[in-house]
Amino acid sequence: MQRKKPTIRKKIRSCKKVQRHVHEFEGSTKQAEEGDDRHNHRFAGVTGQAIRVGKSHVHDIDLTNTDFFNHFHKLKKIRTGPAIPVGNGKHVHFVTGQTTLNDGHVHQFKFATLIQAPLV
C-alpha cells in the first residue's frame, strides 16, 4: 500500500509594489581618439523603472558594457530627461551623457528612448 504524499501548500505573499514602466533604448557614442584608434561604440538596453520628478518622471540607465574589439566602456549613473509626449498618451525621453573613462578617453552620446509599451 502506497502512502499519499502530503500536500505542501506554499504561502504566496502579495507584493504591494507596483511596477512602473520602462523603456528600451539603443544608440551609438560619438567617436573618440585619433588615427587608427578612432572609434565609437554601439549599445542597447532597458531603463530602470519610472522615478517621479515633479509633474513628470525620469529613468536611470546603468549599462554594464559597450564593446569595440574588447575595449569596454560603461554607461553608469545616467538619468534620462523628463517625459516628452509623442501623441496617443505615449512618450519618450532624451538622454545625454558620457561613458566611463577607459584607455585614456570617454565617449559622448545623445539618444532618445523608444516609446514605452509600444504594443499596448
N, C-alpha and C. Protein backbone atom coordinates (compact mmCIF):
# COMPACT_ATOMS: atom_id res chain seq x y z
N MET A 1 0.84 -1.18 0.00
CA MET A 1 0.00 0.00 0.00
C MET A 1 0.88 1.25 0.00
N GLN A 2 0.66 2.08 -0.99
CA GLN A 2 1.45 3.31 -1.10
C GLN A 2 0.80 4.41 -0.29
N ARG A 3 1.68 5.16 0.36
CA ARG A 3 1.17 6.31 1.12
C ARG A 3 1.08 7.53 0.21
N LYS A 4 0.08 8.29 0.40
CA LYS A 4 -0.07 9.54 -0.34
C LYS A 4 0.94 10.55 0.18
N LYS A 5 1.57 11.25 -0.75
CA LYS A 5 2.48 12.31 -0.34
C LYS A 5 1.66 13.45 0.25
N PRO A 6 2.16 14.02 1.33
CA PRO A 6 1.40 15.16 1.91
C PRO A 6 1.40 16.35 0.95
N THR A 7 0.31 17.05 0.91
CA THR A 7 0.19 18.24 0.07
C THR A 7 0.94 19.38 0.74
N ILE A 8 1.82 19.97 -0.01
CA ILE A 8 2.57 21.11 0.52
C ILE A 8 1.97 22.36 -0.08
N ARG A 9 1.55 23.22 0.78
CA ARG A 9 0.96 24.47 0.34
C ARG A 9 1.92 25.61 0.64
N LYS A 10 2.23 26.36 -0.38
CA LYS A 10 3.12 27.49 -0.19
C LYS A 10 2.30 28.74 0.01
N LYS A 11 2.74 29.52 0.96
CA LYS A 11 2.09 30.81 1.16
C LYS A 11 2.61 31.77 0.11
N ILE A 12 1.74 32.39 -0.58
CA ILE A 12 2.13 33.37 -1.58
C ILE A 12 1.85 34.74 -1.00
N ARG A 13 2.91 35.51 -0.88
CA ARG A 13 2.76 36.86 -0.36
C ARG A 13 2.43 37.80 -1.50
N SER A 14 1.49 38.66 -1.27
CA SER A 14 1.18 39.62 -2.33
C SER A 14 2.19 40.75 -2.26
N CYS A 15 2.62 41.14 -3.39
CA CYS A 15 3.60 42.22 -3.49
C CYS A 15 2.83 43.51 -3.68
N LYS A 16 3.01 44.43 -2.77
CA LYS A 16 2.27 45.68 -2.85
C LYS A 16 2.97 46.72 -3.72
N LYS A 17 4.20 46.41 -4.15
CA LYS A 17 4.89 47.35 -5.02
C LYS A 17 4.28 47.27 -6.42
N VAL A 18 4.08 48.42 -7.00
CA VAL A 18 3.53 48.49 -8.35
C VAL A 18 4.69 48.72 -9.31
N GLN A 19 4.78 47.87 -10.31
CA GLN A 19 5.83 48.06 -11.29
C GLN A 19 5.45 49.20 -12.21
N ARG A 20 6.37 50.14 -12.33
CA ARG A 20 6.16 51.25 -13.25
C ARG A 20 6.80 50.89 -14.58
N HIS A 21 6.58 51.66 -15.57
CA HIS A 21 7.05 51.31 -16.91
C HIS A 21 8.54 51.55 -17.08
N VAL A 22 9.08 50.93 -18.12
CA VAL A 22 10.48 51.09 -18.52
C VAL A 22 10.51 51.39 -20.01
N HIS A 23 11.68 51.72 -20.54
CA HIS A 23 11.85 52.00 -21.97
C HIS A 23 13.05 51.22 -22.49
N GLU A 24 12.93 50.71 -23.70
CA GLU A 24 14.09 50.17 -24.39
C GLU A 24 14.85 51.36 -24.98
N PHE A 25 16.15 51.16 -25.21
CA PHE A 25 16.94 52.19 -25.86
C PHE A 25 18.07 51.56 -26.65
N GLU A 26 18.54 52.30 -27.62
CA GLU A 26 19.71 51.89 -28.38
C GLU A 26 20.38 53.15 -28.90
N GLY A 27 21.69 53.08 -29.09
CA GLY A 27 22.39 54.25 -29.56
C GLY A 27 23.83 53.96 -29.89
N SER A 28 24.52 55.01 -30.30
CA SER A 28 25.95 54.94 -30.60
C SER A 28 26.63 56.13 -29.94
N THR A 29 27.84 55.90 -29.47
CA THR A 29 28.61 57.01 -28.91
C THR A 29 29.21 57.82 -30.04
N LYS A 30 29.66 59.02 -29.71
CA LYS A 30 30.45 59.79 -30.66
C LYS A 30 31.84 59.19 -30.72
N GLN A 31 32.55 59.46 -31.78
CA GLN A 31 33.90 58.90 -31.93
C GLN A 31 34.88 59.55 -30.96
N ALA A 32 35.89 58.78 -30.59
CA ALA A 32 36.94 59.27 -29.72
C ALA A 32 38.28 58.78 -30.23
N GLU A 33 39.32 59.40 -29.78
CA GLU A 33 40.72 59.13 -30.15
C GLU A 33 40.97 59.57 -31.59
N GLU A 34 42.20 59.42 -32.01
CA GLU A 34 42.62 59.88 -33.34
C GLU A 34 43.27 58.75 -34.13
N GLY A 35 43.40 58.95 -35.43
CA GLY A 35 44.12 58.00 -36.29
C GLY A 35 43.48 56.63 -36.31
N ASP A 36 44.31 55.59 -36.30
CA ASP A 36 43.83 54.20 -36.38
C ASP A 36 43.01 53.79 -35.16
N ASP A 37 43.17 54.51 -34.03
CA ASP A 37 42.43 54.18 -32.81
C ASP A 37 41.06 54.86 -32.74
N ARG A 38 40.75 55.73 -33.70
CA ARG A 38 39.46 56.44 -33.69
C ARG A 38 38.34 55.41 -33.79
N HIS A 39 37.36 55.50 -32.90
CA HIS A 39 36.30 54.50 -32.86
C HIS A 39 35.10 55.03 -32.08
N ASN A 40 34.00 54.31 -32.20
CA ASN A 40 32.82 54.58 -31.37
C ASN A 40 32.28 53.26 -30.86
N HIS A 41 31.21 53.31 -30.09
CA HIS A 41 30.60 52.12 -29.51
C HIS A 41 29.10 52.15 -29.75
N ARG A 42 28.51 50.98 -29.94
CA ARG A 42 27.05 50.84 -30.02
C ARG A 42 26.58 50.19 -28.74
N PHE A 43 25.33 50.49 -28.36
CA PHE A 43 24.80 49.93 -27.12
C PHE A 43 23.28 49.81 -27.21
N ALA A 44 22.72 48.97 -26.36
CA ALA A 44 21.27 48.79 -26.27
C ALA A 44 20.95 48.29 -24.88
N GLY A 45 19.75 48.57 -24.42
CA GLY A 45 19.36 48.10 -23.09
C GLY A 45 17.95 48.52 -22.74
N VAL A 46 17.65 48.43 -21.46
CA VAL A 46 16.34 48.79 -20.91
C VAL A 46 16.58 49.70 -19.71
N THR A 47 15.83 50.78 -19.62
CA THR A 47 15.97 51.71 -18.50
C THR A 47 15.46 51.07 -17.22
N GLY A 48 15.74 51.72 -16.11
CA GLY A 48 15.11 51.36 -14.85
C GLY A 48 13.67 51.86 -14.86
N GLN A 49 12.95 51.55 -13.80
CA GLN A 49 11.54 51.95 -13.70
C GLN A 49 11.42 53.47 -13.53
N ALA A 50 10.24 53.98 -13.82
CA ALA A 50 9.97 55.41 -13.75
C ALA A 50 10.19 55.94 -12.33
N ILE A 51 10.81 57.13 -12.25
CA ILE A 51 11.05 57.82 -10.98
C ILE A 51 10.33 59.16 -11.07
N ARG A 52 9.34 59.37 -10.25
CA ARG A 52 8.56 60.60 -10.27
C ARG A 52 9.44 61.79 -9.94
N VAL A 53 9.38 62.83 -10.79
CA VAL A 53 10.09 64.08 -10.56
C VAL A 53 9.14 65.20 -10.95
N GLY A 54 8.65 65.93 -9.97
CA GLY A 54 7.69 67.00 -10.23
C GLY A 54 6.44 66.45 -10.90
N LYS A 55 6.04 67.06 -12.01
CA LYS A 55 4.85 66.61 -12.73
C LYS A 55 5.20 65.61 -13.83
N SER A 56 6.43 65.18 -13.89
CA SER A 56 6.87 64.23 -14.90
C SER A 56 7.60 63.08 -14.22
N HIS A 57 8.50 62.45 -14.93
CA HIS A 57 9.30 61.37 -14.38
C HIS A 57 10.55 61.19 -15.23
N VAL A 58 11.53 60.49 -14.68
CA VAL A 58 12.77 60.17 -15.38
C VAL A 58 13.06 58.69 -15.17
N HIS A 59 14.12 58.20 -15.80
CA HIS A 59 14.56 56.81 -15.63
C HIS A 59 16.07 56.79 -15.46
N ASP A 60 16.58 55.85 -14.68
CA ASP A 60 18.02 55.65 -14.57
C ASP A 60 18.46 54.62 -15.60
N ILE A 61 19.68 54.80 -16.09
CA ILE A 61 20.29 53.86 -17.02
C ILE A 61 21.62 53.42 -16.42
N ASP A 62 21.81 52.13 -16.35
CA ASP A 62 23.05 51.57 -15.82
C ASP A 62 23.42 50.40 -16.72
N LEU A 63 24.19 50.68 -17.76
CA LEU A 63 24.53 49.68 -18.75
C LEU A 63 25.96 49.20 -18.50
N THR A 64 26.12 47.92 -18.36
CA THR A 64 27.42 47.36 -17.99
C THR A 64 28.50 47.61 -19.02
N ASN A 65 28.30 47.23 -20.25
CA ASN A 65 29.39 47.34 -21.23
C ASN A 65 28.92 47.80 -22.60
N THR A 66 29.75 48.60 -23.21
CA THR A 66 29.71 48.81 -24.64
C THR A 66 30.98 48.13 -25.13
N ASP A 67 30.99 47.64 -26.32
CA ASP A 67 32.13 46.83 -26.75
C ASP A 67 32.62 47.26 -28.13
N PHE A 68 33.93 47.36 -28.26
CA PHE A 68 34.56 47.62 -29.55
C PHE A 68 35.89 46.88 -29.53
N PHE A 69 35.92 45.69 -30.12
CA PHE A 69 37.13 44.87 -30.15
C PHE A 69 37.78 44.73 -28.77
N ASN A 70 36.98 44.25 -27.82
CA ASN A 70 37.43 44.01 -26.44
C ASN A 70 37.88 45.27 -25.70
N HIS A 71 37.38 46.39 -26.11
CA HIS A 71 37.64 47.67 -25.44
C HIS A 71 36.29 48.11 -24.89
N PHE A 72 36.18 48.25 -23.58
CA PHE A 72 34.88 48.45 -22.94
C PHE A 72 34.73 49.82 -22.29
N HIS A 73 33.52 50.32 -22.32
CA HIS A 73 33.10 51.48 -21.54
C HIS A 73 31.78 51.11 -20.90
N LYS A 74 31.39 51.85 -19.87
CA LYS A 74 30.10 51.64 -19.22
C LYS A 74 29.29 52.93 -19.28
N LEU A 75 27.98 52.79 -19.27
CA LEU A 75 27.08 53.92 -19.09
C LEU A 75 26.58 53.80 -17.67
N LYS A 76 27.20 54.50 -16.75
CA LYS A 76 26.89 54.39 -15.33
C LYS A 76 26.26 55.67 -14.81
N LYS A 77 25.27 55.50 -13.96
CA LYS A 77 24.62 56.63 -13.29
C LYS A 77 24.13 57.68 -14.27
N ILE A 78 23.52 57.22 -15.34
CA ILE A 78 22.93 58.12 -16.34
C ILE A 78 21.45 58.26 -16.03
N ARG A 79 20.92 59.45 -16.13
CA ARG A 79 19.50 59.69 -15.89
C ARG A 79 18.90 60.36 -17.11
N THR A 80 17.74 59.87 -17.55
CA THR A 80 17.06 60.46 -18.69
C THR A 80 16.52 61.84 -18.33
N GLY A 81 16.13 62.57 -19.35
CA GLY A 81 15.39 63.80 -19.13
C GLY A 81 13.93 63.45 -18.86
N PRO A 82 13.09 64.44 -18.62
CA PRO A 82 11.66 64.18 -18.37
C PRO A 82 10.95 63.64 -19.60
N ALA A 83 9.75 63.15 -19.41
CA ALA A 83 8.95 62.58 -20.49
C ALA A 83 8.66 63.63 -21.56
N ILE A 84 8.75 63.21 -22.82
CA ILE A 84 8.41 64.07 -23.97
C ILE A 84 7.23 63.42 -24.69
N PRO A 85 6.03 64.02 -24.61
CA PRO A 85 4.86 63.42 -25.25
C PRO A 85 5.04 63.29 -26.77
N VAL A 86 4.59 62.15 -27.31
CA VAL A 86 4.66 61.93 -28.76
C VAL A 86 3.29 61.60 -29.35
N GLY A 87 2.21 61.80 -28.57
CA GLY A 87 0.86 61.54 -29.05
C GLY A 87 0.29 60.24 -28.53
N ASN A 88 -1.02 60.14 -28.55
CA ASN A 88 -1.74 58.95 -28.08
C ASN A 88 -1.37 58.52 -26.66
N GLY A 89 -1.02 59.48 -25.81
CA GLY A 89 -0.68 59.17 -24.43
C GLY A 89 0.69 58.54 -24.25
N LYS A 90 1.47 58.47 -25.30
CA LYS A 90 2.81 57.85 -25.24
C LYS A 90 3.88 58.94 -25.10
N HIS A 91 5.09 58.50 -24.73
CA HIS A 91 6.18 59.44 -24.57
C HIS A 91 7.54 58.76 -24.75
N VAL A 92 8.57 59.57 -24.90
CA VAL A 92 9.96 59.13 -24.96
C VAL A 92 10.75 60.00 -23.99
N HIS A 93 12.03 59.73 -23.86
CA HIS A 93 12.93 60.54 -23.03
C HIS A 93 14.19 60.81 -23.82
N PHE A 94 14.74 62.02 -23.68
CA PHE A 94 16.01 62.36 -24.29
C PHE A 94 17.12 62.10 -23.28
N VAL A 95 18.26 61.61 -23.75
CA VAL A 95 19.35 61.24 -22.86
C VAL A 95 20.66 61.80 -23.42
N THR A 96 21.44 62.45 -22.58
CA THR A 96 22.78 62.89 -22.96
C THR A 96 23.74 62.50 -21.85
N GLY A 97 24.98 62.28 -22.19
CA GLY A 97 25.97 61.95 -21.17
C GLY A 97 27.27 61.51 -21.78
N GLN A 98 28.08 60.86 -20.94
CA GLN A 98 29.33 60.31 -21.42
C GLN A 98 29.61 58.99 -20.74
N THR A 99 30.38 58.15 -21.43
CA THR A 99 30.74 56.84 -20.90
C THR A 99 31.77 56.99 -19.78
N THR A 100 32.07 55.89 -19.12
CA THR A 100 33.16 55.86 -18.17
C THR A 100 34.49 55.98 -18.92
N LEU A 101 35.53 56.37 -18.20
CA LEU A 101 36.87 56.52 -18.75
C LEU A 101 37.52 55.15 -18.94
N ASN A 102 38.11 54.91 -20.11
CA ASN A 102 38.87 53.69 -20.36
C ASN A 102 39.92 54.01 -21.42
N ASP A 103 41.12 53.54 -21.23
CA ASP A 103 42.21 53.75 -22.18
C ASP A 103 42.44 55.23 -22.44
N GLY A 104 42.24 56.05 -21.41
CA GLY A 104 42.52 57.48 -21.51
C GLY A 104 41.49 58.32 -22.20
N HIS A 105 40.28 57.78 -22.46
CA HIS A 105 39.26 58.59 -23.13
C HIS A 105 37.85 58.19 -22.68
N VAL A 106 36.92 59.09 -22.96
CA VAL A 106 35.49 58.84 -22.76
C VAL A 106 34.80 59.09 -24.10
N HIS A 107 33.53 58.71 -24.20
CA HIS A 107 32.73 58.98 -25.40
C HIS A 107 31.48 59.73 -24.97
N GLN A 108 31.12 60.75 -25.71
CA GLN A 108 29.87 61.47 -25.50
C GLN A 108 28.75 60.72 -26.24
N PHE A 109 27.50 60.89 -25.78
CA PHE A 109 26.38 60.29 -26.51
C PHE A 109 25.12 61.12 -26.31
N LYS A 110 24.21 61.00 -27.27
CA LYS A 110 22.88 61.61 -27.25
C LYS A 110 21.95 60.63 -27.93
N PHE A 111 20.79 60.36 -27.31
CA PHE A 111 19.81 59.50 -27.94
C PHE A 111 18.46 59.70 -27.27
N ALA A 112 17.42 59.17 -27.90
CA ALA A 112 16.08 59.17 -27.32
C ALA A 112 15.69 57.73 -27.05
N THR A 113 15.00 57.50 -25.96
CA THR A 113 14.50 56.16 -25.67
C THR A 113 13.43 55.79 -26.69
N LEU A 114 13.10 54.54 -26.77
CA LEU A 114 11.97 54.10 -27.58
C LEU A 114 10.69 54.38 -26.80
N ILE A 115 9.55 54.36 -27.47
CA ILE A 115 8.25 54.60 -26.83
C ILE A 115 7.96 53.49 -25.84
N GLN A 116 7.44 53.86 -24.68
CA GLN A 116 7.08 52.86 -23.67
C GLN A 116 5.91 52.02 -24.17
N ALA A 117 5.89 50.75 -23.82
CA ALA A 117 4.79 49.82 -24.15
C ALA A 117 4.28 50.02 -25.59
N PRO A 118 5.12 49.82 -26.60
CA PRO A 118 4.72 50.14 -27.97
C PRO A 118 3.55 49.31 -28.50
N LEU A 119 3.29 48.14 -27.96
CA LEU A 119 2.21 47.29 -28.48
C LEU A 119 0.90 47.47 -27.72
N VAL A 120 0.90 48.31 -26.70
CA VAL A 120 -0.32 48.49 -25.90
C VAL A 120 -1.04 49.74 -26.32
